[in-house]
C-alpha atoms as a PDB file:
ATOM      1  CA  MET A   1     116.899  71.456 113.037  1.00  0.00           C
ATOM      2  CA  THR A   2     119.594  69.089 114.246  1.00  0.00           C
ATOM      3  CA  ARG A   3     121.635  72.117 115.311  1.00  0.00           C
ATOM      4  CA  HIS A   4     118.806  73.880 117.136  1.00  0.00           C
ATOM      5  CA  ALA A   5     120.830  74.163 120.366  1.00  0.00           C
ATOM      6  CA  GLU A   6     123.651  75.904 118.482  1.00  0.00           C
ATOM      7  CA  LEU A   7     121.152  78.243 116.802  1.00  0.00           C
ATOM      8  CA  ALA A   8     119.625  79.133 120.159  1.00  0.00           C
ATOM      9  CA  ALA A   9     123.013  79.719 121.773  1.00  0.00           C
ATOM     10  CA  ASN A  10     124.297  81.890 118.917  1.00  0.00           C
ATOM     11  CA  THR A  11     121.182  83.986 118.350  1.00  0.00           C
ATOM     12  CA  GLY A  12     119.177  83.903 121.555  1.00  0.00           C
ATOM     13  CA  VAL A  13     116.212  82.569 119.585  1.00  0.00           C
ATOM     14  CA  CYS A  14     114.040  80.112 121.483  1.00  0.00           C
ATOM     15  CA  VAL A  15     113.409  76.959 119.464  1.00  0.00           C
ATOM     16  CA  TYR A  16     110.110  75.164 120.057  1.00  0.00           C
ATOM     17  CA  PHE A  17     109.157  71.755 118.723  1.00  0.00           C
ATOM     18  CA  CYS A  18     105.503  70.792 118.627  1.00  0.00           C
ATOM     19  CA  ALA A  19     104.438  67.439 119.997  1.00  0.00           C
ATOM     20  CA  PRO A  20     103.923  64.726 117.375  1.00  0.00           C
ATOM     21  CA  HIS A  21     100.328  64.266 116.209  1.00  0.00           C
ATOM     22  CA  SER A  22      99.286  67.604 117.745  1.00  0.00           C
ATOM     23  CA  PRO A  23      98.233  69.856 114.852  1.00  0.00           C
ATOM     24  CA  TRP A  24      96.644  72.386 117.224  1.00  0.00           C
ATOM     25  CA  GLN A  25     100.193  73.314 118.291  1.00  0.00           C
ATOM     26  CA  ARG A  26     101.069  74.178 114.694  1.00  0.00           C
ATOM     27  CA  GLY A  27      98.276  76.568 113.752  1.00  0.00           C
ATOM     28  CA  THR A  28     100.097  78.782 111.281  1.00  0.00           C
ATOM     29  CA  CYS A  29     101.922  75.853 109.727  1.00  0.00           C
ATOM     30  CA  GLU A  30      98.747  73.788 109.347  1.00  0.00           C
ATOM     31  CA  ASN A  31      96.877  76.766 107.871  1.00  0.00           C
ATOM     32  CA  THR A  32      99.664  77.413 105.371  1.00  0.00           C
ATOM     33  CA  ILE A  33      99.723  73.752 104.350  1.00  0.00           C
ATOM     34  CA  GLY A  34      95.978  73.954 103.772  1.00  0.00           C
ATOM     35  CA  LEU A  35      96.446  76.991 101.541  1.00  0.00           C
ATOM     36  CA  LEU A  36      99.266  75.275  99.641  1.00  0.00           C
ATOM     37  CA  ARG A  37      97.049  72.238  99.034  1.00  0.00           C
ATOM     38  CA  GLN A  38      94.780  74.495  96.954  1.00  0.00           C
ATOM     39  CA  TYR A  39      97.638  74.702  94.451  1.00  0.00           C
ATOM     40  CA  LEU A  40      99.615  71.527  95.127  1.00  0.00           C
ATOM     41  CA  PRO A  41      97.627  68.474  96.232  1.00  0.00           C
ATOM     42  CA  LYS A  42      99.281  66.136  98.736  1.00  0.00           C
ATOM     43  CA  GLY A  43     101.809  63.886  97.029  1.00  0.00           C
ATOM     44  CA  THR A  44     102.403  66.290  94.140  1.00  0.00           C
ATOM     45  CA  ASP A  45     105.758  65.859  92.406  1.00  0.00           C
ATOM     46  CA  LEU A  46     107.242  69.356  92.626  1.00  0.00           C
ATOM     47  CA  SER A  47     109.779  68.571  89.900  1.00  0.00           C
ATOM     48  CA  ILE A  48     107.047  68.967  87.273  1.00  0.00           C
ATOM     49  CA  TYR A  49     106.728  72.667  88.160  1.00  0.00           C
ATOM     50  CA  SER A  50     109.107  75.357  86.999  1.00  0.00           C
ATOM     51  CA  GLN A  51     110.650  77.760  89.485  1.00  0.00           C
ATOM     52  CA  GLU A  52     108.527  80.495  87.928  1.00  0.00           C
ATOM     53  CA  GLN A  53     105.351  78.508  88.632  1.00  0.00           C
ATOM     54  CA  LEU A  54     106.390  77.872  92.234  1.00  0.00           C
ATOM     55  CA  ASP A  55     107.284  81.543  92.639  1.00  0.00           C
ATOM     56  CA  ALA A  56     103.814  82.495  91.340  1.00  0.00           C
ATOM     57  CA  ILE A  57     102.207  80.243  93.974  1.00  0.00           C
ATOM     58  CA  ALA A  58     104.359  81.806  96.697  1.00  0.00           C
ATOM     59  CA  ASP A  59     103.483  85.291  95.467  1.00  0.00           C
ATOM     60  CA  SER A  60      99.790  84.431  95.471  1.00  0.00           C
ATOM     61  CA  LEU A  61      99.979  83.200  99.067  1.00  0.00           C
ATOM     62  CA  ASN A  62     102.097  86.136 100.239  1.00  0.00           C
ATOM     63  CA  THR A  63      99.688  88.678  98.782  1.00  0.00           C
ATOM     64  CA  ARG A  64      96.551  87.017 100.166  1.00  0.00           C
ATOM     65  CA  PRO A  65      94.987  88.945 103.079  1.00  0.00           C
ATOM     66  CA  ARG A  66      94.705  86.915 106.285  1.00  0.00           C
ATOM     67  CA  ALA A  67      92.223  87.267 109.115  1.00  0.00           C
ATOM     68  CA  THR A  68      95.012  86.597 111.620  1.00  0.00           C
ATOM     69  CA  HIS A  69      96.796  89.710 110.318  1.00  0.00           C
ATOM     70  CA  ASN A  70      93.725  91.956 110.553  1.00  0.00           C
ATOM     71  CA  TRP A  71      93.189  91.420 106.818  1.00  0.00           C
ATOM     72  CA  LEU A  72      96.673  92.556 105.876  1.00  0.00           C
ATOM     73  CA  THR A  73      98.793  90.402 103.602  1.00  0.00           C
ATOM     74  CA  PRO A  74     101.828  88.525 104.934  1.00  0.00           C
ATOM     75  CA  LEU A  75     104.018  90.842 102.846  1.00  0.00           C
ATOM     76  CA  GLN A  76     102.463  93.909 104.469  1.00  0.00           C
ATOM     77  CA  VAL A  77     103.020  92.459 107.949  1.00  0.00           C
ATOM     78  CA  TYR A  78     106.612  91.527 107.094  1.00  0.00           C
ATOM     79  CA  ALA A  79     107.311  94.993 105.668  1.00  0.00           C
ATOM     80  CA  ALA A  80     105.909  96.621 108.811  1.00  0.00           C
ATOM     81  CA  ALA A  81     108.057  94.378 111.017  1.00  0.00           C
ATOM     82  CA  LEU A  82     111.163  95.287 109.030  1.00  0.00           C
ATOM     83  CA  ALA A  83     110.329  98.982 109.170  1.00  0.00           C
ATOM     84  CA  SER A  84     109.819  98.916 112.929  1.00  0.00           C
ATOM     85  CA  ALA A  85     113.032  96.927 113.444  1.00  0.00           C
ATOM     86  CA  HIS A  86     115.033  99.660 111.734  1.00  0.00           C
ATOM     87  CA  GLN A  87     113.456 102.581 113.575  1.00  0.00           C
ATOM     88  CA  PRO A  88     115.860 104.257 115.971  1.00  0.00           C
ATOM     89  CA  GLU A  89     114.553 104.433 119.488  1.00  0.00           C
ATOM     90  CA  THR A  90     113.394 107.873 120.499  1.00  0.00           C
ATOM     91  CA  SER A  91     113.699 108.868 124.079  1.00  0.00           C
ATOM     92  CA  VAL A  92     113.299 112.050 126.012  1.00  0.00           C
ATOM     93  CA  HIS A  93     116.149 112.818 128.383  1.00  0.00           C
END
């Protein structure tokens, strides 16, 4: 993220960096790492896995319902976000 200022200026996206040694500021990230550790223990050499195996792990995680998403899967939440982003605004004049 060395170019975070450029990203923010070009897109209007706010970039936030968590404080070091503050895992409570990184809830989603820490939860995802915990889920990944079920498949890939810390220190695992990823080069021993094929792309197909890594894709299967990603698919498993992306189709796993999450309490934080009201028991929807991340893919369902992402699909809903995409669908709502492409909906034309309706207004009554």
